Amino acid sequence: MSSGETGVHSEIDEDKCVRCSYCARACPTEAIKYGEILPRSVVGGKAVVINQRDCIGCMTCTRVCPSRGAIKVGKINRLPYIDPSYCARCEECMDVCPSAAIRYSSRKRAYENFSKLNNLEIAGEILERESEKLVKNLGRMDSVLRDVKRRFSAESPEYSVDVTDEIRDGIEELVDSNLQIHELNHIIDFTKPARRIRVLEDRCIGCGLCVDECPVGVIEPEVPAPVKILDGCVFCGRCRGVCPVDAIEITEEGFRARDGRIYLERRVLTGPRRGSVEVDHMVCQRCGVCVNHCPVDAMTLNTEVEVDADRCILCGECQDICPVTAVRLNLEDDKVE
């Protein structure tokens, strides 16, 4: 782009320019007008959006985007989404998207979509934070769970309380958005429960059965008793299953979506988990992260990720670490009371 003057001046090679607008933002004299270098297709005020139903989570768009901060990755569903206020509409992401999930939309719809996804991220962080607090002290819940505090006792070993209204009202107040119940349920599906394991010293007899049974080797004997559980426990429940005196207590506290409602639950694990691990091969990117992270080497990657059901301890580590949520842990409730 030239000013037409014969003196020294800068020129923009339009064939190489990706229209990221960085030069327009950085120029100290505002000599470069962004509107003059925009792609012709967006003159009408369009914006770039990612259709998350079509997105496969490959993250190629995040690697080619020249505008820092324009493409964010959700912690809830682990899919990218675009902040229209930062997007330069250079179309680089469109060109490389293998699933054609990136397209133009109206700016109004783009901002509404970004606001909705951003609010879901905030809501998810709130739920995650509250779930972690439950492990430390059930009596220190904040305003989102204040009503729940009056409806159950911290001494109760198990409970299930409908907190749909409390969660919705508290989150809406904090994020200033009218979130729907089904959207909150979606958040719950990706919220990790808070787990806790402890040895009941007055019951432990120091027999060592749990030491031999632990598949990740984090239980050590102590003299005379009890045993000691180190960091790295995956809460598989196998130690609980072999303990002859019920001296190991494993609890799981968190939120669960059921029948269109949200429940705050504490469950007690009484033995090894039962269920299965499923891999959605249509979504799986074959990155191998789950394979490398499996504590018992129950996963292999050849042409596809495969799970050895005989070795799998259903700890859920693969589900938690998968960047595209292609791994799903399906547990049976008959062993979780």
C-alpha atoms as a PDB file:
ATOM      1  CA  MET A   1       0.000   0.000   0.000  1.00  0.00           C
ATOM      2  CA  SER A   2       1.588   3.250  -1.112  1.00  0.00           C
ATOM      3  CA  SER A   3       0.693   6.862  -0.418  1.00  0.00           C
ATOM      4  CA  GLY A   4       1.585   7.846  -3.953  1.00  0.00           C
ATOM      5  CA  GLU A   5       4.325  10.209  -2.823  1.00  0.00           C
ATOM      6  CA  THR A   6       7.776  10.041  -4.362  1.00  0.00           C
ATOM      7  CA  GLY A   7       9.610  10.238  -1.020  1.00  0.00           C
ATOM      8  CA  VAL A   8      10.659   7.328   1.173  1.00  0.00           C
ATOM      9  CA  HIS A   9       7.642   5.387   2.338  1.00  0.00           C
ATOM     10  CA  SER A  10       6.536   1.877   3.256  1.00  0.00           C
ATOM     11  CA  GLU A  11       4.695  -0.482   0.968  1.00  0.00           C
ATOM     12  CA  ILE A  12       2.597  -3.537   1.780  1.00  0.00           C
ATOM     13  CA  ASP A  13       2.864  -6.583  -0.442  1.00  0.00           C
ATOM     14  CA  GLU A  14      -0.803  -7.561  -0.664  1.00  0.00           C
ATOM     15  CA  ASP A  15       0.057 -11.037  -1.930  1.00  0.00           C
ATOM     16  CA  LYS A  16       1.993 -11.833   1.259  1.00  0.00           C
ATOM     17  CA  CYS A  17      -0.085  -9.819   3.733  1.00  0.00           C
ATOM     18  CA  VAL A  18      -2.299 -11.986   5.943  1.00  0.00           C
ATOM     19  CA  ARG A  19      -4.322  -8.948   7.065  1.00  0.00           C
ATOM     20  CA  CYS A  20      -3.711  -9.545  10.749  1.00  0.00           C
ATOM     21  CA  SER A  21      -3.742  -5.767  11.389  1.00  0.00           C
ATOM     22  CA  TYR A  22      -0.691  -5.923  13.656  1.00  0.00           C
ATOM     23  CA  CYS A  23       0.995  -3.132  11.701  1.00  0.00           C
ATOM     24  CA  ALA A  24      -2.120  -0.961  11.967  1.00  0.00           C
ATOM     25  CA  ARG A  25      -2.247  -1.445  15.726  1.00  0.00           C
ATOM     26  CA  ALA A  26       1.492  -0.909  16.217  1.00  0.00           C
ATOM     27  CA  CYS A  27       1.961   2.131  13.995  1.00  0.00           C
ATOM     28  CA  PRO A  28       2.615   5.142  16.303  1.00  0.00           C
ATOM     29  CA  THR A  29       1.169   7.673  13.852  1.00  0.00           C
ATOM     30  CA  GLU A  30      -1.873   5.673  12.711  1.00  0.00           C
ATOM     31  CA  ALA A  31      -0.639   5.934   9.151  1.00  0.00           C
ATOM     32  CA  ILE A  32      -1.956   2.481   8.259  1.00  0.00           C
ATOM     33  CA  LYS A  33      -5.715   2.157   8.036  1.00  0.00           C
ATOM     34  CA  TYR A  34      -6.937  -1.354   8.771  1.00  0.00           C
ATOM     35  CA  GLY A  35     -10.032  -0.930   6.615  1.00  0.00           C
ATOM     36  CA  GLU A  36      -7.858  -0.579   3.543  1.00  0.00           C
ATOM     37  CA  ILE A  37      -6.285  -4.035   3.970  1.00  0.00           C
ATOM     38  CA  LEU A  38      -9.328  -6.075   5.014  1.00  0.00           C
ATOM     39  CA  PRO A  39     -10.365  -9.024   2.843  1.00  0.00           C
ATOM     40  CA  ARG A  40     -13.090  -8.012   0.430  1.00  0.00           C
ATOM     41  CA  SER A  41     -15.413 -10.667   1.791  1.00  0.00           C
ATOM     42  CA  VAL A  42     -15.742  -8.936   5.167  1.00  0.00           C
ATOM     43  CA  VAL A  43     -16.426  -5.388   4.039  1.00  0.00           C
ATOM     44  CA  GLY A  44     -20.038  -5.857   5.139  1.00  0.00           C
ATOM     45  CA  GLY A  45     -19.112  -6.248   8.818  1.00  0.00           C
ATOM     46  CA  LYS A  46     -18.871 -10.023   9.110  1.00  0.00           C
ATOM     47  CA  ALA A  47     -16.918 -11.867  11.794  1.00  0.00           C
ATOM     48  CA  VAL A  48     -15.168 -15.237  11.952  1.00  0.00           C
ATOM     49  CA  VAL A  49     -16.644 -17.930  14.201  1.00  0.00           C
ATOM     50  CA  ILE A  50     -15.905 -21.588  14.936  1.00  0.00           C
ATOM     51  CA  ASN A  51     -18.808 -24.005  14.757  1.00  0.00           C
ATOM     52  CA  GLN A  52     -17.984 -26.232  17.726  1.00  0.00           C
ATOM     53  CA  ARG A  53     -20.316 -28.970  16.523  1.00  0.00           C
ATOM     54  CA  ASP A  54     -18.106 -29.416  13.456  1.00  0.00           C
ATOM     55  CA  CYS A  55     -14.775 -28.718  15.185  1.00  0.00           C
ATOM     56  CA  ILE A  56     -12.634 -31.811  15.783  1.00  0.00           C
ATOM     57  CA  GLY A  57     -10.304 -30.114  18.262  1.00  0.00           C
ATOM     58  CA  CYS A  58      -7.099 -30.466  16.228  1.00  0.00           C
ATOM     59  CA  MET A  59      -5.961 -26.953  17.290  1.00  0.00           C
ATOM     60  CA  THR A  60      -4.488 -26.201  13.856  1.00  0.00           C
ATOM     61  CA  CYS A  61      -6.205 -22.813  13.897  1.00  0.00           C
ATOM     62  CA  THR A  62      -4.467 -21.819  17.132  1.00  0.00           C
ATOM     63  CA  ARG A  63      -1.072 -22.516  15.578  1.00  0.00           C
ATOM     64  CA  VAL A  64      -1.565 -20.408  12.448  1.00  0.00           C
ATOM     65  CA  CYS A  65      -3.430 -17.446  13.945  1.00  0.00           C
ATOM     66  CA  PRO A  66      -1.221 -14.317  13.729  1.00  0.00           C
ATOM     67  CA  SER A  67      -3.347 -12.348  16.222  1.00  0.00           C
ATOM     68  CA  ARG A  68      -2.387 -13.176  19.770  1.00  0.00           C
ATOM     69  CA  GLY A  69      -5.394 -13.756  21.972  1.00  0.00           C
ATOM     70  CA  ALA A  70      -7.894 -14.105  19.135  1.00  0.00           C
ATOM     71  CA  ILE A  71      -8.410 -17.859  19.439  1.00  0.00           C
ATOM     72  CA  LYS A  72      -8.964 -19.196  22.927  1.00  0.00           C
ATOM     73  CA  VAL A  73      -9.262 -22.825  23.998  1.00  0.00           C
ATOM     74  CA  GLY A  74     -12.062 -23.734  26.371  1.00  0.00           C
ATOM     75  CA  LYS A  75     -11.173 -25.545  29.566  1.00  0.00           C
ATOM     76  CA  ILE A  76     -14.636 -27.070  29.704  1.00  0.00           C
ATOM     77  CA  ASN A  77     -15.024 -28.732  26.307  1.00  0.00           C
ATOM     78  CA  ARG A  78     -11.395 -28.190  25.206  1.00  0.00           C
ATOM     79  CA  LEU A  79     -12.382 -26.714  21.861  1.00  0.00           C
ATOM     80  CA  PRO A  80     -11.203 -23.405  20.363  1.00  0.00           C
ATOM     81  CA  TYR A  81     -13.404 -20.328  20.084  1.00  0.00           C
ATOM     82  CA  ILE A  82     -12.745 -16.861  18.665  1.00  0.00           C
ATOM     83  CA  ASP A  83     -12.768 -13.499  20.422  1.00  0.00           C
ATOM     84  CA  PRO A  84     -14.132 -11.215  17.662  1.00  0.00           C
ATOM     85  CA  SER A  85     -12.594  -8.120  19.245  1.00  0.00           C
ATOM     86  CA  TYR A  86      -9.091  -9.537  18.600  1.00  0.00           C
ATOM     87  CA  CYS A  87      -9.724 -11.450  15.383  1.00  0.00           C
ATOM     88  CA  ALA A  88      -8.113  -9.824  12.333  1.00  0.00           C
ATOM     89  CA  ARG A  89     -10.270 -11.793   9.889  1.00  0.00           C
ATOM     90  CA  CYS A  90      -7.182 -12.801   7.948  1.00  0.00           C
ATOM     91  CA  GLU A  91      -8.794 -16.140   7.023  1.00  0.00           C
ATOM     92  CA  GLU A  92      -5.632 -18.113   7.832  1.00  0.00           C
ATOM     93  CA  CYS A  93      -7.587 -20.387  10.177  1.00  0.00           C
ATOM     94  CA  MET A  94     -10.277 -20.911   7.546  1.00  0.00           C
ATOM     95  CA  ASP A  95      -7.747 -22.049   4.995  1.00  0.00           C
ATOM     96  CA  VAL A  96      -6.228 -24.747   7.221  1.00  0.00           C
ATOM     97  CA  CYS A  97      -9.296 -26.048   9.091  1.00  0.00           C
ATOM     98  CA  PRO A  98      -9.639 -29.736   8.104  1.00  0.00           C
ATOM     99  CA  SER A  99     -13.310 -29.945   9.069  1.00  0.00           C
ATOM    100  CA  ALA A 100     -14.513 -26.651   7.556  1.00  0.00           C
ATOM    101  CA  ALA A 101     -15.742 -25.601  10.994  1.00  0.00           C
ATOM    102  CA  ILE A 102     -14.616 -21.972  10.635  1.00  0.00           C
ATOM    103  CA  ARG A 103     -16.792 -19.570   8.717  1.00  0.00           C
ATOM    104  CA  TYR A 104     -18.147 -16.037   8.597  1.00  0.00           C
ATOM    105  CA  SER A 105     -21.126 -14.921  10.625  1.00  0.00           C
ATOM    106  CA  SER A 106     -22.713 -11.624  11.579  1.00  0.00           C
ATOM    107  CA  ARG A 107     -20.733  -9.622  14.130  1.00  0.00           C
ATOM    108  CA  LYS A 108     -23.729  -9.555  16.455  1.00  0.00           C
ATOM    109  CA  ARG A 109     -24.013 -13.335  16.451  1.00  0.00           C
ATOM    110  CA  ALA A 110     -20.245 -13.705  16.828  1.00  0.00           C
ATOM    111  CA  TYR A 111     -20.166 -11.513  19.938  1.00  0.00           C
ATOM    112  CA  GLU A 112     -23.181 -13.308  21.397  1.00  0.00           C
ATOM    113  CA  ASN A 113     -21.509 -16.674  20.789  1.00  0.00           C
ATOM    114  CA  PHE A 114     -18.231 -15.502  22.340  1.00  0.00           C
ATOM    115  CA  SER A 115     -20.016 -14.077  25.380  1.00  0.00           C
ATOM    116  CA  LYS A 116     -21.923 -17.321  25.895  1.00  0.00           C
ATOM    117  CA  LEU A 117     -18.813 -19.517  25.634  1.00  0.00           C
ATOM    118  CA  ASN A 118     -16.790 -17.186  27.834  1.00  0.00           C
ATOM    119  CA  ASN A 119     -19.498 -17.224  30.498  1.00  0.00           C
ATOM    120  CA  LEU A 120     -19.595 -21.016  30.388  1.00  0.00           C
ATOM    121  CA  GLU A 121     -15.848 -21.020  30.999  1.00  0.00           C
ATOM    122  CA  ILE A 122     -16.272 -18.740  34.011  1.00  0.00           C
ATOM    123  CA  ALA A 123     -19.100 -20.894  35.329  1.00  0.00           C
ATOM    124  CA  GLY A 124     -16.994 -24.013  34.901  1.00  0.00           C
ATOM    125  CA  GLU A 125     -14.131 -22.472  36.855  1.00  0.00           C
ATOM    126  CA  ILE A 126     -16.534 -21.562  39.655  1.00  0.00           C
ATOM    127  CA  LEU A 127     -17.883 -25.110  39.861  1.00  0.00           C
ATOM    128  CA  GLU A 128     -14.383 -26.579  39.756  1.00  0.00           C
ATOM    129  CA  ARG A 129     -13.252 -24.276  42.533  1.00  0.00           C
ATOM    130  CA  GLU A 130     -16.275 -25.057  44.690  1.00  0.00           C
ATOM    131  CA  SER A 131     -15.821 -28.796  44.185  1.00  0.00           C
ATOM    132  CA  GLU A 132     -12.217 -28.565  45.400  1.00  0.00           C
ATOM    133  CA  LYS A 133     -13.295 -26.588  48.459  1.00  0.00           C
ATOM    134  CA  LEU A 134     -15.615 -29.377  49.528  1.00  0.00           C
ATOM    135  CA  VAL A 135     -12.702 -31.702  50.174  1.00  0.00           C
ATOM    136  CA  LYS A 136     -10.999 -29.277  52.561  1.00  0.00           C
ATOM    137  CA  ASN A 137     -13.956 -27.981  54.503  1.00  0.00           C
ATOM    138  CA  LEU A 138     -17.641 -28.459  53.785  1.00  0.00           C
ATOM    139  CA  GLY A 139     -18.445 -25.570  56.109  1.00  0.00           C
ATOM    140  CA  ARG A 140     -16.617 -22.962  54.005  1.00  0.00           C
ATOM    141  CA  MET A 141     -18.847 -22.839  50.942  1.00  0.00           C
ATOM    142  CA  ASP A 142     -19.308 -19.457  49.321  1.00  0.00           C
ATOM    143  CA  SER A 143     -22.545 -17.761  48.247  1.00  0.00           C
ATOM    144  CA  VAL A 144     -23.211 -20.139  45.354  1.00  0.00           C
ATOM    145  CA  LEU A 145     -23.597 -23.055  47.786  1.00  0.00           C
ATOM    146  CA  ARG A 146     -24.772 -21.202  50.886  1.00  0.00           C
ATOM    147  CA  ASP A 147     -28.282 -22.632  50.728  1.00  0.00           C
ATOM    148  CA  VAL A 148     -26.867 -26.143  50.361  1.00  0.00           C
ATOM    149  CA  LYS A 149     -24.917 -25.757  53.585  1.00  0.00           C
ATOM    150  CA  ARG A 150     -28.143 -25.585  55.582  1.00  0.00           C
ATOM    151  CA  ARG A 151     -29.584 -28.722  53.988  1.00  0.00           C
ATOM    152  CA  PHE A 152     -27.051 -31.384  54.908  1.00  0.00           C
ATOM    153  CA  SER A 153     -24.563 -32.192  57.637  1.00  0.00           C
ATOM    154  CA  ALA A 154     -20.798 -32.301  57.155  1.00  0.00           C
ATOM    155  CA  GLU A 155     -20.770 -35.465  59.259  1.00  0.00           C
ATOM    156  CA  SER A 156     -23.005 -37.354  56.835  1.00  0.00           C
ATOM    157  CA  PRO A 157     -20.952 -39.956  54.931  1.00  0.00           C
ATOM    158  CA  GLU A 158     -23.109 -39.639  51.819  1.00  0.00           C
ATOM    159  CA  TYR A 159     -25.645 -37.191  50.486  1.00  0.00           C
ATOM    160  CA  SER A 160     -27.304 -36.030  47.282  1.00  0.00           C
ATOM    161  CA  VAL A 161     -28.845 -32.556  47.239  1.00  0.00           C
ATOM    162  CA  ASP A 162     -30.554 -30.791  44.341  1.00  0.00           C
ATOM    163  CA  VAL A 163     -28.646 -27.504  43.939  1.00  0.00           C
ATOM    164  CA  THR A 164     -29.839 -26.521  40.470  1.00  0.00           C
ATOM    165  CA  ASP A 165     -31.417 -23.234  41.482  1.00  0.00           C
ATOM    166  CA  GLU A 166     -28.612 -22.255  43.857  1.00  0.00           C
ATOM    167  CA  ILE A 167     -25.918 -22.940  41.270  1.00  0.00           C
ATOM    168  CA  ARG A 168     -27.776 -21.196  38.477  1.00  0.00           C
ATOM    169  CA  ASP A 169     -28.623 -18.094  40.495  1.00  0.00           C
ATOM    170  CA  GLY A 170     -25.148 -17.770  41.955  1.00  0.00           C
ATOM    171  CA  ILE A 171     -23.385 -18.193  38.629  1.00  0.00           C
ATOM    172  CA  GLU A 172     -25.730 -15.864  36.764  1.00  0.00           C
ATOM    173  CA  GLU A 173     -25.087 -13.179  39.355  1.00  0.00           C
ATOM    174  CA  LEU A 174     -21.335 -13.537  38.981  1.00  0.00           C
ATOM    175  CA  VAL A 175     -21.159 -13.691  35.171  1.00  0.00           C
ATOM    176  CA  ASP A 176     -24.160 -11.458  34.462  1.00  0.00           C
ATOM    177  CA  SER A 177     -25.633 -13.863  31.947  1.00  0.00           C
ATOM    178  CA  ASN A 178     -28.851 -15.822  31.581  1.00  0.00           C
ATOM    179  CA  LEU A 179     -27.474 -19.353  31.383  1.00  0.00           C
ATOM    180  CA  GLN A 180     -29.878 -22.150  30.599  1.00  0.00           C
ATOM    181  CA  ILE A 181     -30.133 -25.354  32.636  1.00  0.00           C
ATOM    182  CA  HIS A 182     -29.002 -27.541  29.748  1.00  0.00           C
ATOM    183  CA  GLU A 183     -25.895 -25.358  29.390  1.00  0.00           C
ATOM    184  CA  LEU A 184     -25.075 -25.821  33.065  1.00  0.00           C
ATOM    185  CA  ASN A 185     -25.545 -29.564  32.652  1.00  0.00           C
ATOM    186  CA  HIS A 186     -22.965 -29.426  29.873  1.00  0.00           C
ATOM    187  CA  ILE A 187     -20.524 -27.779  32.285  1.00  0.00           C
ATOM    188  CA  ILE A 188     -21.179 -30.456  34.900  1.00  0.00           C
ATOM    189  CA  ASP A 189     -20.212 -33.180  32.435  1.00  0.00           C
ATOM    190  CA  PHE A 190     -16.693 -31.724  32.252  1.00  0.00           C
ATOM    191  CA  THR A 191     -16.261 -30.836  35.942  1.00  0.00           C
ATOM    192  CA  LYS A 192     -13.918 -33.174  37.775  1.00  0.00           C
ATOM    193  CA  PRO A 193     -15.127 -34.450  41.153  1.00  0.00           C
ATOM    194  CA  ALA A 194     -12.943 -33.862  44.194  1.00  0.00           C
ATOM    195  CA  ARG A 195     -11.619 -37.148  45.566  1.00  0.00           C
ATOM    196  CA  ARG A 196     -10.131 -37.966  48.927  1.00  0.00           C
ATOM    197  CA  ILE A 197      -8.578 -41.069  50.472  1.00  0.00           C
ATOM    198  CA  ARG A 198      -7.556 -41.607  54.071  1.00  0.00           C
ATOM    199  CA  VAL A 199      -6.543 -44.415  56.401  1.00  0.00           C
ATOM    200  CA  LEU A 200      -8.604 -44.869  59.570  1.00  0.00           C
ATOM    201  CA  GLU A 201      -5.853 -45.320  62.127  1.00  0.00           C
ATOM    202  CA  ASP A 202      -8.058 -46.887  64.773  1.00  0.00           C
ATOM    203  CA  ARG A 203      -8.999 -49.698  62.363  1.00  0.00           C
ATOM    204  CA  CYS A 204      -5.808 -50.412  60.415  1.00  0.00           C
ATOM    205  CA  ILE A 205      -4.037 -53.599  61.515  1.00  0.00           C
ATOM    206  CA  GLY A 206      -1.000 -53.187  59.267  1.00  0.00           C
ATOM    207  CA  CYS A 207      -1.595 -56.401  57.311  1.00  0.00           C
ATOM    208  CA  GLY A 208      -0.108 -54.936  54.110  1.00  0.00           C
ATOM    209  CA  LEU A 209      -2.717 -56.324  51.706  1.00  0.00           C
ATOM    210  CA  CYS A 210      -3.369 -52.851  50.320  1.00  0.00           C
ATOM    211  CA  VAL A 211       0.357 -52.353  49.691  1.00  0.00           C
ATOM    212  CA  ASP A 212       0.473 -55.397  47.425  1.00  0.00           C
ATOM    213  CA  GLU A 213      -2.801 -54.515  45.682  1.00  0.00           C
ATOM    214  CA  CYS A 214      -2.029 -50.882  44.797  1.00  0.00           C
ATOM    215  CA  PRO A 215      -1.438 -50.770  41.003  1.00  0.00           C
ATOM    216  CA  VAL A 216       0.528 -47.507  41.146  1.00  0.00           C
ATOM    217  CA  GLY A 217       2.664 -48.287  44.198  1.00  0.00           C
ATOM    218  CA  VAL A 218       1.745 -45.304  46.369  1.00  0.00           C
ATOM    219  CA  ILE A 219       0.949 -47.211  49.586  1.00  0.00           C
ATOM    220  CA  GLU A 220       3.789 -47.833  52.019  1.00  0.00           C
ATOM    221  CA  PRO A 221       3.759 -49.829  55.264  1.00  0.00           C
ATOM    222  CA  GLU A 222       4.538 -48.110  58.533  1.00  0.00           C
ATOM    223  CA  VAL A 223       5.430 -49.681  61.860  1.00  0.00           C
ATOM    224  CA  PRO A 224       3.372 -50.597  63.671  1.00  0.00           C
ATOM    225  CA  ALA A 225       0.396 -49.117  61.779  1.00  0.00           C
ATOM    226  CA  PRO A 226      -1.289 -47.615  59.851  1.00  0.00           C
ATOM    227  CA  VAL A 227      -0.075 -47.659  56.280  1.00  0.00           C
ATOM    228  CA  LYS A 228       0.860 -44.437  54.525  1.00  0.00           C
ATOM    229  CA  ILE A 229      -0.674 -43.293  51.236  1.00  0.00           C
ATOM    230  CA  LEU A 230       1.680 -41.137  49.153  1.00  0.00           C
ATOM    231  CA  ASP A 231       0.925 -38.593  46.441  1.00  0.00           C
ATOM    232  CA  GLY A 232      -0.040 -40.108  43.116  1.00  0.00           C
ATOM    233  CA  CYS A 233      -3.104 -42.076  44.187  1.00  0.00           C
ATOM    234  CA  VAL A 234      -5.553 -42.514  41.294  1.00  0.00           C
ATOM    235  CA  PHE A 235      -8.500 -43.505  43.528  1.00  0.00           C
ATOM    236  CA  CYS A 236      -9.170 -46.796  41.767  1.00  0.00           C
ATOM    237  CA  GLY A 237     -10.553 -48.404  44.954  1.00  0.00           C
ATOM    238  CA  ARG A 238      -8.550 -51.618  44.804  1.00  0.00           C
ATOM    239  CA  CYS A 239      -6.983 -51.088  48.210  1.00  0.00           C
ATOM    240  CA  ARG A 240     -10.424 -50.514  49.672  1.00  0.00           C
ATOM    241  CA  GLY A 241     -11.631 -53.771  48.165  1.00  0.00           C
ATOM    242  CA  VAL A 242      -8.984 -55.952  49.825  1.00  0.00           C
ATOM    243  CA  CYS A 243      -8.868 -54.287  53.242  1.00  0.00           C
ATOM    244  CA  PRO A 244     -10.258 -56.851  55.736  1.00  0.00           C
ATOM    245  CA  VAL A 245     -11.184 -54.261  58.368  1.00  0.00           C
ATOM    246  CA  ASP A 246     -12.542 -51.398  56.220  1.00  0.00           C
ATOM    247  CA  ALA A 247      -9.698 -49.131  57.332  1.00  0.00           C
ATOM    248  CA  ILE A 248      -9.471 -47.206  54.049  1.00  0.00           C
ATOM    249  CA  GLU A 249     -12.056 -44.562  53.219  1.00  0.00           C
ATOM    250  CA  ILE A 250     -12.420 -43.170  49.698  1.00  0.00           C
ATOM    251  CA  THR A 251     -14.935 -40.409  49.037  1.00  0.00           C
ATOM    252  CA  GLU A 252     -15.888 -38.545  45.895  1.00  0.00           C
ATOM    253  CA  GLU A 253     -17.548 -35.146  46.150  1.00  0.00           C
ATOM    254  CA  GLY A 254     -18.804 -33.027  43.306  1.00  0.00           C
ATOM    255  CA  PHE A 255     -21.631 -32.120  40.996  1.00  0.00           C
ATOM    256  CA  ARG A 256     -23.677 -34.471  38.848  1.00  0.00           C
ATOM    257  CA  ALA A 257     -26.277 -33.741  36.170  1.00  0.00           C
ATOM    258  CA  ARG A 258     -29.272 -36.057  36.254  1.00  0.00           C
ATOM    259  CA  ASP A 259     -32.756 -35.753  34.718  1.00  0.00           C
ATOM    260  CA  GLY A 260     -32.237 -32.113  33.830  1.00  0.00           C
ATOM    261  CA  ARG A 261     -31.187 -31.141  37.371  1.00  0.00           C
ATOM    262  CA  ILE A 262     -27.848 -30.563  39.111  1.00  0.00           C
ATOM    263  CA  TYR A 263     -26.986 -32.409  42.318  1.00  0.00           C
ATOM    264  CA  LEU A 264     -24.234 -31.932  44.853  1.00  0.00           C
ATOM    265  CA  GLU A 265     -23.204 -35.426  45.909  1.00  0.00           C
ATOM    266  CA  ARG A 266     -20.798 -37.215  48.174  1.00  0.00           C
ATOM    267  CA  ARG A 267     -20.321 -40.879  47.391  1.00  0.00           C
ATOM    268  CA  VAL A 268     -18.319 -43.536  49.205  1.00  0.00           C
ATOM    269  CA  LEU A 269     -16.287 -45.996  47.146  1.00  0.00           C
ATOM    270  CA  THR A 270     -16.514 -49.473  48.658  1.00  0.00           C
ATOM    271  CA  GLY A 271     -14.320 -51.402  46.240  1.00  0.00           C
ATOM    272  CA  PRO A 272     -12.733 -51.412  42.780  1.00  0.00           C
ATOM    273  CA  ARG A 273     -14.564 -49.390  40.166  1.00  0.00           C
ATOM    274  CA  ARG A 274     -16.575 -51.249  37.575  1.00  0.00           C
ATOM    275  CA  GLY A 275     -17.290 -50.052  34.077  1.00  0.00           C
ATOM    276  CA  SER A 276     -15.431 -49.387  30.854  1.00  0.00           C
ATOM    277  CA  VAL A 277     -13.346 -46.824  28.990  1.00  0.00           C
ATOM    278  CA  GLU A 278     -14.557 -45.816  25.544  1.00  0.00           C
ATOM    279  CA  VAL A 279     -12.579 -43.953  22.890  1.00  0.00           C
ATOM    280  CA  ASP A 280     -14.443 -41.963  20.239  1.00  0.00           C
ATOM    281  CA  HIS A 281     -12.234 -42.694  17.248  1.00  0.00           C
ATOM    282  CA  MET A 282     -13.988 -40.048  15.144  1.00  0.00           C
ATOM    283  CA  VAL A 283     -12.838 -37.354  17.576  1.00  0.00           C
ATOM    284  CA  CYS A 284      -9.524 -38.876  18.707  1.00  0.00           C
ATOM    285  CA  GLN A 285      -6.463 -37.127  17.225  1.00  0.00           C
ATOM    286  CA  ARG A 286      -4.109 -40.058  18.005  1.00  0.00           C
ATOM    287  CA  CYS A 287      -1.784 -37.755  19.908  1.00  0.00           C
ATOM    288  CA  GLY A 288      -0.884 -40.490  22.395  1.00  0.00           C
ATOM    289  CA  VAL A 289      -1.200 -38.327  25.506  1.00  0.00           C
ATOM    290  CA  CYS A 290      -3.591 -40.783  27.155  1.00  0.00           C
ATOM    291  CA  VAL A 291      -1.310 -43.702  26.306  1.00  0.00           C
ATOM    292  CA  ASN A 292       1.717 -42.020  27.860  1.00  0.00           C
ATOM    293  CA  HIS A 293      -0.231 -40.952  30.953  1.00  0.00           C
ATOM    294  CA  CYS A 294      -1.900 -44.274  31.788  1.00  0.00           C
ATOM    295  CA  PRO A 295      -0.456 -45.421  35.143  1.00  0.00           C
ATOM    296  CA  VAL A 296      -0.840 -49.133  34.348  1.00  0.00           C
ATOM    297  CA  ASP A 297      -0.021 -49.133  30.601  1.00  0.00           C
ATOM    298  CA  ALA A 298      -3.529 -50.251  29.695  1.00  0.00           C
ATOM    299  CA  MET A 299      -3.658 -48.135  26.524  1.00  0.00           C
ATOM    300  CA  THR A 300      -1.790 -48.619  23.259  1.00  0.00           C
ATOM    301  CA  LEU A 301      -1.603 -46.613  20.062  1.00  0.00           C
ATOM    302  CA  ASN A 302      -1.238 -48.366  16.747  1.00  0.00           C
ATOM    303  CA  THR A 303      -3.579 -47.177  14.019  1.00  0.00           C
ATOM    304  CA  GLU A 304      -6.055 -46.289  16.789  1.00  0.00           C
ATOM    305  CA  VAL A 305      -6.004 -45.976  20.562  1.00  0.00           C
ATOM    306  CA  GLU A 306      -6.978 -49.275  22.156  1.00  0.00           C
ATOM    307  CA  VAL A 307      -7.810 -50.071  25.787  1.00  0.00           C
ATOM    308  CA  ASP A 308      -6.835 -53.341  27.464  1.00  0.00           C
ATOM    309  CA  ALA A 309      -9.860 -53.982  29.685  1.00  0.00           C
ATOM    310  CA  ASP A 310      -7.984 -56.588  31.724  1.00  0.00           C
ATOM    311  CA  ARG A 311      -5.276 -54.101  32.732  1.00  0.00           C
ATOM    312  CA  CYS A 312      -7.449 -50.982  33.024  1.00  0.00           C
ATOM    313  CA  ILE A 313      -8.202 -49.896  36.608  1.00  0.00           C
ATOM    314  CA  LEU A 314     -10.822 -47.286  35.585  1.00  0.00           C
ATOM    315  CA  CYS A 315      -8.962 -44.456  37.297  1.00  0.00           C
ATOM    316  CA  GLY A 316     -10.101 -41.878  34.737  1.00  0.00           C
ATOM    317  CA  GLU A 317      -6.666 -40.330  34.181  1.00  0.00           C
ATOM    318  CA  CYS A 318      -7.033 -40.768  30.416  1.00  0.00           C
ATOM    319  CA  GLN A 319     -10.380 -38.999  30.409  1.00  0.00           C
ATOM    320  CA  ASP A 320      -9.037 -36.071  32.410  1.00  0.00           C
ATOM    321  CA  ILE A 321      -5.989 -35.511  30.223  1.00  0.00           C
ATOM    322  CA  CYS A 322      -7.500 -35.985  26.733  1.00  0.00           C
ATOM    323  CA  PRO A 323      -7.310 -32.579  24.960  1.00  0.00           C
ATOM    324  CA  VAL A 324     -10.343 -33.254  22.749  1.00  0.00           C
ATOM    325  CA  THR A 325     -12.546 -35.222  25.197  1.00  0.00           C
ATOM    326  CA  ALA A 326     -12.407 -38.318  23.008  1.00  0.00           C
ATOM    327  CA  VAL A 327     -11.993 -40.634  26.009  1.00  0.00           C
ATOM    328  CA  ARG A 328     -14.981 -41.354  28.207  1.00  0.00           C
ATOM    329  CA  LEU A 329     -15.097 -43.264  31.498  1.00  0.00           C
ATOM    330  CA  ASN A 330     -18.388 -45.095  31.938  1.00  0.00           C
ATOM    331  CA  LEU A 331     -18.817 -46.321  35.504  1.00  0.00           C
ATOM    332  CA  GLU A 332     -21.404 -48.639  36.948  1.00  0.00           C
ATOM    333  CA  ASP A 333     -22.988 -47.318  40.128  1.00  0.00           C
ATOM    334  CA  ASP A 334     -23.496 -50.681  41.795  1.00  0.00           C
ATOM    335  CA  LYS A 335     -20.077 -50.500  43.484  1.00  0.00           C
ATOM    336  CA  VAL A 336     -20.393 -46.853  44.460  1.00  0.00           C
ATOM    337  CA  GLU A 337     -22.877 -46.529  47.282  1.00  0.00           C
END
